[in-house]
Amino acid sequence: MQNIHKPKAVVPIEQKVALTKYEAAEYSNIGINKIEAMLREPNCPFVLYVGPNKKLVKRKEFEEFISASLII
């Protein structure tokens, strides 16, 4: 029996709808700890909950938030 694996699709960050905190940090040049703190803020406009423990960053909303912010 052969073990056939499909190659994993590589989607560029700028085409993704949601990013991990690591991708968001790399994309924005903001540190992981700061991204995590921002995701914990009440009513964070760019957090996407996936189940009870996983948080993703909605890329477009994150970009808009960053563009509108003078200080983070």
PDB file of N, CA and C in Angstrom:
ATOM      1  N   MET A   1       0.845  -1.184   0.000  1.00  0.00           N
ATOM      2  CA  MET A   1       0.000   0.000   0.000  1.00  0.00           C
ATOM      3  C   MET A   1       0.889   1.246   0.000  1.00  0.00           C
ATOM      4  N   GLN A   2       0.645   2.096  -0.962  1.00  0.00           N
ATOM      5  CA  GLN A   2       1.431   3.310  -1.064  1.00  0.00           C
ATOM      6  C   GLN A   2       0.817   4.406  -0.221  1.00  0.00           C
ATOM      7  N   ASN A   3       1.672   5.167   0.383  1.00  0.00           N
ATOM      8  CA  ASN A   3       1.233   6.315   1.175  1.00  0.00           C
ATOM      9  C   ASN A   3       1.316   7.547   0.277  1.00  0.00           C
ATOM     10  N   ILE A   4       0.171   7.960  -0.250  1.00  0.00           N
ATOM     11  CA  ILE A   4       0.140   9.074  -1.189  1.00  0.00           C
ATOM     12  C   ILE A   4      -0.277  10.332  -0.444  1.00  0.00           C
ATOM     13  N   HIS A   5       0.575  11.337  -0.510  1.00  0.00           N
ATOM     14  CA  HIS A   5       0.291  12.615   0.140  1.00  0.00           C
ATOM     15  C   HIS A   5       0.141  13.682  -0.930  1.00  0.00           C
ATOM     16  N   LYS A   6      -0.907  14.446  -0.792  1.00  0.00           N
ATOM     17  CA  LYS A   6      -1.055  15.598  -1.668  1.00  0.00           C
ATOM     18  C   LYS A   6      -0.143  16.694  -1.137  1.00  0.00           C
ATOM     19  N   PRO A   7       0.513  17.407  -2.017  1.00  0.00           N
ATOM     20  CA  PRO A   7       1.332  18.516  -1.523  1.00  0.00           C
ATOM     21  C   PRO A   7       0.439  19.572  -0.869  1.00  0.00           C
ATOM     22  N   LYS A   8       0.902  20.093   0.248  1.00  0.00           N
ATOM     23  CA  LYS A   8       0.141  21.104   0.967  1.00  0.00           C
ATOM     24  C   LYS A   8       0.182  22.412   0.184  1.00  0.00           C
ATOM     25  N   ALA A   9      -0.981  23.004  -0.006  1.00  0.00           N
ATOM     26  CA  ALA A   9      -1.061  24.265  -0.733  1.00  0.00           C
ATOM     27  C   ALA A   9      -0.410  25.371   0.092  1.00  0.00           C
ATOM     28  N   VAL A  10       0.408  26.156  -0.553  1.00  0.00           N
ATOM     29  CA  VAL A  10       1.051  27.285   0.107  1.00  0.00           C
ATOM     30  C   VAL A  10       0.325  28.543  -0.360  1.00  0.00           C
ATOM     31  N   VAL A  11      -0.369  29.173   0.578  1.00  0.00           N
ATOM     32  CA  VAL A  11      -1.122  30.378   0.278  1.00  0.00           C
ATOM     33  C   VAL A  11      -0.339  31.568   0.822  1.00  0.00           C
ATOM     34  N   PRO A  12      -0.043  32.534  -0.027  1.00  0.00           N
ATOM     35  CA  PRO A  12       0.674  33.721   0.469  1.00  0.00           C
ATOM     36  C   PRO A  12      -0.136  34.438   1.549  1.00  0.00           C
ATOM     37  N   ILE A  13       0.546  35.018   2.506  1.00  0.00           N
ATOM     38  CA  ILE A  13      -0.113  35.686   3.631  1.00  0.00           C
ATOM     39  C   ILE A  13      -1.106  36.731   3.153  1.00  0.00           C
ATOM     40  N   GLU A  14      -0.755  37.496   2.127  1.00  0.00           N
ATOM     41  CA  GLU A  14      -1.644  38.559   1.677  1.00  0.00           C
ATOM     42  C   GLU A  14      -2.922  38.043   1.022  1.00  0.00           C
ATOM     43  N   GLN A  15      -3.018  36.734   0.777  1.00  0.00           N
ATOM     44  CA  GLN A  15      -4.227  36.152   0.211  1.00  0.00           C
ATOM     45  C   GLN A  15      -5.048  35.384   1.252  1.00  0.00           C
ATOM     46  N   LYS A  16      -4.529  35.236   2.452  1.00  0.00           N
ATOM     47  CA  LYS A  16      -5.240  34.506   3.491  1.00  0.00           C
ATOM     48  C   LYS A  16      -6.312  35.393   4.121  1.00  0.00           C
ATOM     49  N   VAL A  17      -7.394  34.781   4.522  1.00  0.00           N
ATOM     50  CA  VAL A  17      -8.469  35.489   5.218  1.00  0.00           C
ATOM     51  C   VAL A  17      -8.126  35.632   6.693  1.00  0.00           C
ATOM     52  N   ALA A  18      -7.573  34.576   7.281  1.00  0.00           N
ATOM     53  CA  ALA A  18      -7.221  34.580   8.703  1.00  0.00           C
ATOM     54  C   ALA A  18      -5.772  34.132   8.863  1.00  0.00           C
ATOM     55  N   LEU A  19      -5.106  34.747   9.830  1.00  0.00           N
ATOM     56  CA  LEU A  19      -3.700  34.465  10.098  1.00  0.00           C
ATOM     57  C   LEU A  19      -3.526  33.919  11.502  1.00  0.00           C
ATOM     58  N   THR A  20      -2.492  33.118  11.696  1.00  0.00           N
ATOM     59  CA  THR A  20      -2.123  32.742  13.051  1.00  0.00           C
ATOM     60  C   THR A  20      -1.447  33.952  13.689  1.00  0.00           C
ATOM     61  N   LYS A  21      -1.270  33.910  15.002  1.00  0.00           N
ATOM     62  CA  LYS A  21      -0.598  35.028  15.662  1.00  0.00           C
ATOM     63  C   LYS A  21       0.843  35.169  15.165  1.00  0.00           C
ATOM     64  N   TYR A  22       1.457  34.056  14.782  1.00  0.00           N
ATOM     65  CA  TYR A  22       2.828  34.095  14.272  1.00  0.00           C
ATOM     66  C   TYR A  22       2.876  34.736  12.887  1.00  0.00           C
ATOM     67  N   GLU A  23       1.909  34.385  12.036  1.00  0.00           N
ATOM     68  CA  GLU A  23       1.837  35.006  10.719  1.00  0.00           C
ATOM     69  C   GLU A  23       1.525  36.494  10.836  1.00  0.00           C
ATOM     70  N   ALA A  24       0.612  36.845  11.737  1.00  0.00           N
ATOM     71  CA  ALA A  24       0.262  38.255  11.942  1.00  0.00           C
ATOM     72  C   ALA A  24       1.476  39.045  12.428  1.00  0.00           C
ATOM     73  N   ALA A  25       2.263  38.448  13.300  1.00  0.00           N
ATOM     74  CA  ALA A  25       3.471  39.116  13.806  1.00  0.00           C
ATOM     75  C   ALA A  25       4.479  39.313  12.675  1.00  0.00           C
ATOM     76  N   GLU A  26       4.672  38.297  11.875  1.00  0.00           N
ATOM     77  CA  GLU A  26       5.602  38.399  10.749  1.00  0.00           C
ATOM     78  C   GLU A  26       5.102  39.420   9.732  1.00  0.00           C
ATOM     79  N   TYR A  27       3.823  39.397   9.450  1.00  0.00           N
ATOM     80  CA  TYR A  27       3.202  40.281   8.457  1.00  0.00           C
ATOM     81  C   TYR A  27       3.271  41.748   8.870  1.00  0.00           C
ATOM     82  N   SER A  28       3.082  42.003  10.166  1.00  0.00           N
ATOM     83  CA  SER A  28       2.973  43.381  10.645  1.00  0.00           C
ATOM     84  C   SER A  28       4.238  43.911  11.308  1.00  0.00           C
ATOM     85  N   ASN A  29       5.182  43.034  11.597  1.00  0.00           N
ATOM     86  CA  ASN A  29       6.390  43.400  12.336  1.00  0.00           C
ATOM     87  C   ASN A  29       6.062  43.852  13.765  1.00  0.00           C
ATOM     88  N   ILE A  30       5.006  43.279  14.325  1.00  0.00           N
ATOM     89  CA  ILE A  30       4.616  43.492  15.720  1.00  0.00           C
ATOM     90  C   ILE A  30       4.935  42.188  16.447  1.00  0.00           C
ATOM     91  N   GLY A  31       5.424  42.273  17.662  1.00  0.00           N
ATOM     92  CA  GLY A  31       5.823  41.084  18.411  1.00  0.00           C
ATOM     93  C   GLY A  31       4.660  40.171  18.773  1.00  0.00           C
ATOM     94  N   ILE A  32       4.981  38.901  18.979  1.00  0.00           N
ATOM     95  CA  ILE A  32       3.982  37.882  19.340  1.00  0.00           C
ATOM     96  C   ILE A  32       3.258  38.275  20.626  1.00  0.00           C
ATOM     97  N   ASN A  33       3.995  38.721  21.639  1.00  0.00           N
ATOM     98  CA  ASN A  33       3.364  39.076  22.918  1.00  0.00           C
ATOM     99  C   ASN A  33       2.360  40.214  22.746  1.00  0.00           C
ATOM    100  N   LYS A  34       2.697  41.187  21.924  1.00  0.00           N
ATOM    101  CA  LYS A  34       1.779  42.312  21.688  1.00  0.00           C
ATOM    102  C   LYS A  34       0.547  41.834  20.915  1.00  0.00           C
ATOM    103  N   ILE A  35       0.738  40.983  19.920  1.00  0.00           N
ATOM    104  CA  ILE A  35      -0.398  40.421  19.165  1.00  0.00           C
ATOM    105  C   ILE A  35      -1.313  39.665  20.122  1.00  0.00           C
ATOM    106  N   GLU A  36      -0.732  38.828  20.987  1.00  0.00           N
ATOM    107  CA  GLU A  36      -1.539  38.066  21.952  1.00  0.00           C
ATOM    108  C   GLU A  36      -2.311  39.003  22.878  1.00  0.00           C
ATOM    109  N   ALA A  37      -1.663  40.057  23.351  1.00  0.00           N
ATOM    110  CA  ALA A  37      -2.329  41.019  24.234  1.00  0.00           C
ATOM    111  C   ALA A  37      -3.475  41.714  23.504  1.00  0.00           C
ATOM    112  N   MET A  38      -3.267  42.070  22.256  1.00  0.00           N
ATOM    113  CA  MET A  38      -4.322  42.715  21.473  1.00  0.00           C
ATOM    114  C   MET A  38      -5.509  41.767  21.265  1.00  0.00           C
ATOM    115  N   LEU A  39      -5.233  40.492  21.036  1.00  0.00           N
ATOM    116  CA  LEU A  39      -6.302  39.505  20.835  1.00  0.00           C
ATOM    117  C   LEU A  39      -7.105  39.270  22.108  1.00  0.00           C
ATOM    118  N   ARG A  40      -6.497  39.498  23.281  1.00  0.00           N
ATOM    119  CA  ARG A  40      -7.199  39.325  24.559  1.00  0.00           C
ATOM    120  C   ARG A  40      -8.081  40.514  24.923  1.00  0.00           C
ATOM    121  N   GLU A  41      -7.889  41.643  24.252  1.00  0.00           N
ATOM    122  CA  GLU A  41      -8.673  42.841  24.568  1.00  0.00           C
ATOM    123  C   GLU A  41     -10.158  42.591  24.299  1.00  0.00           C
ATOM    124  N   PRO A  42     -11.034  43.095  25.198  1.00  0.00           N
ATOM    125  CA  PRO A  42     -12.472  42.955  24.952  1.00  0.00           C
ATOM    126  C   PRO A  42     -12.855  43.665  23.650  1.00  0.00           C
ATOM    127  N   ASN A  43     -13.727  43.064  22.901  1.00  0.00           N
ATOM    128  CA  ASN A  43     -14.220  43.616  21.632  1.00  0.00           C
ATOM    129  C   ASN A  43     -13.119  43.869  20.613  1.00  0.00           C
ATOM    130  N   CYS A  44     -12.095  43.045  20.615  1.00  0.00           N
ATOM    131  CA  CYS A  44     -11.035  43.160  19.613  1.00  0.00           C
ATOM    132  C   CYS A  44     -11.678  42.988  18.235  1.00  0.00           C
ATOM    133  N   PRO A  45     -11.500  43.957  17.332  1.00  0.00           N
ATOM    134  CA  PRO A  45     -12.205  43.904  16.050  1.00  0.00           C
ATOM    135  C   PRO A  45     -11.662  42.886  15.054  1.00  0.00           C
ATOM    136  N   PHE A  46     -10.508  42.291  15.343  1.00  0.00           N
ATOM    137  CA  PHE A  46      -9.923  41.374  14.366  1.00  0.00           C
ATOM    138  C   PHE A  46      -9.692  39.964  14.881  1.00  0.00           C
ATOM    139  N   VAL A  47     -10.216  39.629  16.063  1.00  0.00           N
ATOM    140  CA  VAL A  47     -10.052  38.276  16.586  1.00  0.00           C
ATOM    141  C   VAL A  47     -11.133  37.359  15.996  1.00  0.00           C
ATOM    142  N   LEU A  48     -10.719  36.133  15.670  1.00  0.00           N
ATOM    143  CA  LEU A  48     -11.636  35.102  15.191  1.00  0.00           C
ATOM    144  C   LEU A  48     -11.409  33.876  16.065  1.00  0.00           C
ATOM    145  N   TYR A  49     -12.434  33.474  16.804  1.00  0.00           N
ATOM    146  CA  TYR A  49     -12.329  32.313  17.690  1.00  0.00           C
ATOM    147  C   TYR A  49     -12.634  31.046  16.903  1.00  0.00           C
ATOM    148  N   VAL A  50     -11.764  30.070  17.019  1.00  0.00           N
ATOM    149  CA  VAL A  50     -11.962  28.762  16.409  1.00  0.00           C
ATOM    150  C   VAL A  50     -12.005  27.775  17.562  1.00  0.00           C
ATOM    151  N   GLY A  51     -13.209  27.446  18.000  1.00  0.00           N
ATOM    152  CA  GLY A  51     -13.349  26.615  19.186  1.00  0.00           C
ATOM    153  C   GLY A  51     -13.023  27.426  20.427  1.00  0.00           C
ATOM    154  N   PRO A  52     -12.911  26.751  21.565  1.00  0.00           N
ATOM    155  CA  PRO A  52     -12.707  27.477  22.828  1.00  0.00           C
ATOM    156  C   PRO A  52     -11.281  27.966  23.064  1.00  0.00           C
ATOM    157  N   ASN A  53     -10.297  27.410  22.372  1.00  0.00           N
ATOM    158  CA  ASN A  53      -8.906  27.725  22.705  1.00  0.00           C
ATOM    159  C   ASN A  53      -8.093  28.386  21.602  1.00  0.00           C
ATOM    160  N   LYS A  54      -8.571  28.366  20.383  1.00  0.00           N
ATOM    161  CA  LYS A  54      -7.766  28.878  19.281  1.00  0.00           C
ATOM    162  C   LYS A  54      -8.278  30.240  18.820  1.00  0.00           C
ATOM    163  N   LYS A  55      -7.342  31.159  18.623  1.00  0.00           N
ATOM    164  CA  LYS A  55      -7.668  32.492  18.128  1.00  0.00           C
ATOM    165  C   LYS A  55      -6.874  32.738  16.853  1.00  0.00           C
ATOM    166  N   LEU A  56      -7.550  33.259  15.857  1.00  0.00           N
ATOM    167  CA  LEU A  56      -6.898  33.672  14.627  1.00  0.00           C
ATOM    168  C   LEU A  56      -7.099  35.171  14.448  1.00  0.00           C
ATOM    169  N   VAL A  57      -6.345  35.741  13.536  1.00  0.00           N
ATOM    170  CA  VAL A  57      -6.411  37.173  13.252  1.00  0.00           C
ATOM    171  C   VAL A  57      -7.071  37.347  11.887  1.00  0.00           C
ATOM    172  N   LYS A  58      -8.174  38.082  11.849  1.00  0.00           N
ATOM    173  CA  LYS A  58      -8.819  38.399  10.567  1.00  0.00           C
ATOM    174  C   LYS A  58      -7.956  39.455   9.881  1.00  0.00           C
ATOM    175  N   ARG A  59      -7.356  39.066   8.766  1.00  0.00           N
ATOM    176  CA  ARG A  59      -6.329  39.887   8.128  1.00  0.00           C
ATOM    177  C   ARG A  59      -6.817  41.276   7.723  1.00  0.00           C
ATOM    178  N   LYS A  60      -7.923  41.359   7.015  1.00  0.00           N
ATOM    179  CA  LYS A  60      -8.395  42.670   6.546  1.00  0.00           C
ATOM    180  C   LYS A  60      -8.716  43.603   7.709  1.00  0.00           C
ATOM    181  N   GLU A  61      -9.404  43.079   8.728  1.00  0.00           N
ATOM    182  CA  GLU A  61      -9.743  43.890   9.897  1.00  0.00           C
ATOM    183  C   GLU A  61      -8.484  44.307  10.651  1.00  0.00           C
ATOM    184  N   PHE A  62      -7.502  43.412  10.695  1.00  0.00           N
ATOM    185  CA  PHE A  62      -6.223  43.708  11.334  1.00  0.00           C
ATOM    186  C   PHE A  62      -5.510  44.839  10.583  1.00  0.00           C
ATOM    187  N   GLU A  63      -5.490  44.759   9.265  1.00  0.00           N
ATOM    188  CA  GLU A  63      -4.873  45.808   8.458  1.00  0.00           C
ATOM    189  C   GLU A  63      -5.562  47.152   8.690  1.00  0.00           C
ATOM    190  N   GLU A  64      -6.906  47.144   8.728  1.00  0.00           N
ATOM    191  CA  GLU A  64      -7.659  48.380   8.960  1.00  0.00           C
ATOM    192  C   GLU A  64      -7.362  48.955  10.340  1.00  0.00           C
ATOM    193  N   PHE A  65      -7.288  48.075  11.348  1.00  0.00           N
ATOM    194  CA  PHE A  65      -6.981  48.501  12.704  1.00  0.00           C
ATOM    195  C   PHE A  65      -5.607  49.157  12.762  1.00  0.00           C
ATOM    196  N   ILE A  66      -4.618  48.516  12.141  1.00  0.00           N
ATOM    197  CA  ILE A  66      -3.243  49.034  12.128  1.00  0.00           C
ATOM    198  C   ILE A  66      -3.200  50.385  11.395  1.00  0.00           C
ATOM    199  N   SER A  67      -3.894  50.474  10.264  1.00  0.00           N
ATOM    200  CA  SER A  67      -3.893  51.710   9.465  1.00  0.00           C
ATOM    201  C   SER A  67      -4.508  52.874  10.231  1.00  0.00           C
ATOM    202  N   ALA A  68      -5.523  52.587  11.035  1.00  0.00           N
ATOM    203  CA  ALA A  68      -6.211  53.628  11.776  1.00  0.00           C
ATOM    204  C   ALA A  68      -5.506  53.989  13.087  1.00  0.00           C
ATOM    205  N   SER A  69      -4.517  53.210  13.494  1.00  0.00           N
ATOM    206  CA  SER A  69      -3.845  53.422  14.776  1.00  0.00           C
ATOM    207  C   SER A  69      -2.573  54.230  14.617  1.00  0.00           C
ATOM    208  N   LEU A  70      -2.368  55.129  15.558  1.00  0.00           N
ATOM    209  CA  LEU A  70      -1.131  55.890  15.597  1.00  0.00           C
ATOM    210  C   LEU A  70      -0.149  55.226  16.559  1.00  0.00           C
ATOM    211  N   ILE A  71      -0.697  54.695  17.661  1.00  0.00           N
ATOM    212  CA  ILE A  71       0.114  54.017  18.685  1.00  0.00           C
ATOM    213  C   ILE A  71      -0.563  52.693  19.011  1.00  0.00           C
ATOM    214  N   ILE A  72       0.240  51.654  19.138  1.00  0.00           N
ATOM    215  CA  ILE A  72      -0.304  50.345  19.515  1.00  0.00           C
ATOM    216  C   ILE A  72       0.291  49.974  20.856  1.00  0.00           C
TER     217      ILE A  72
END
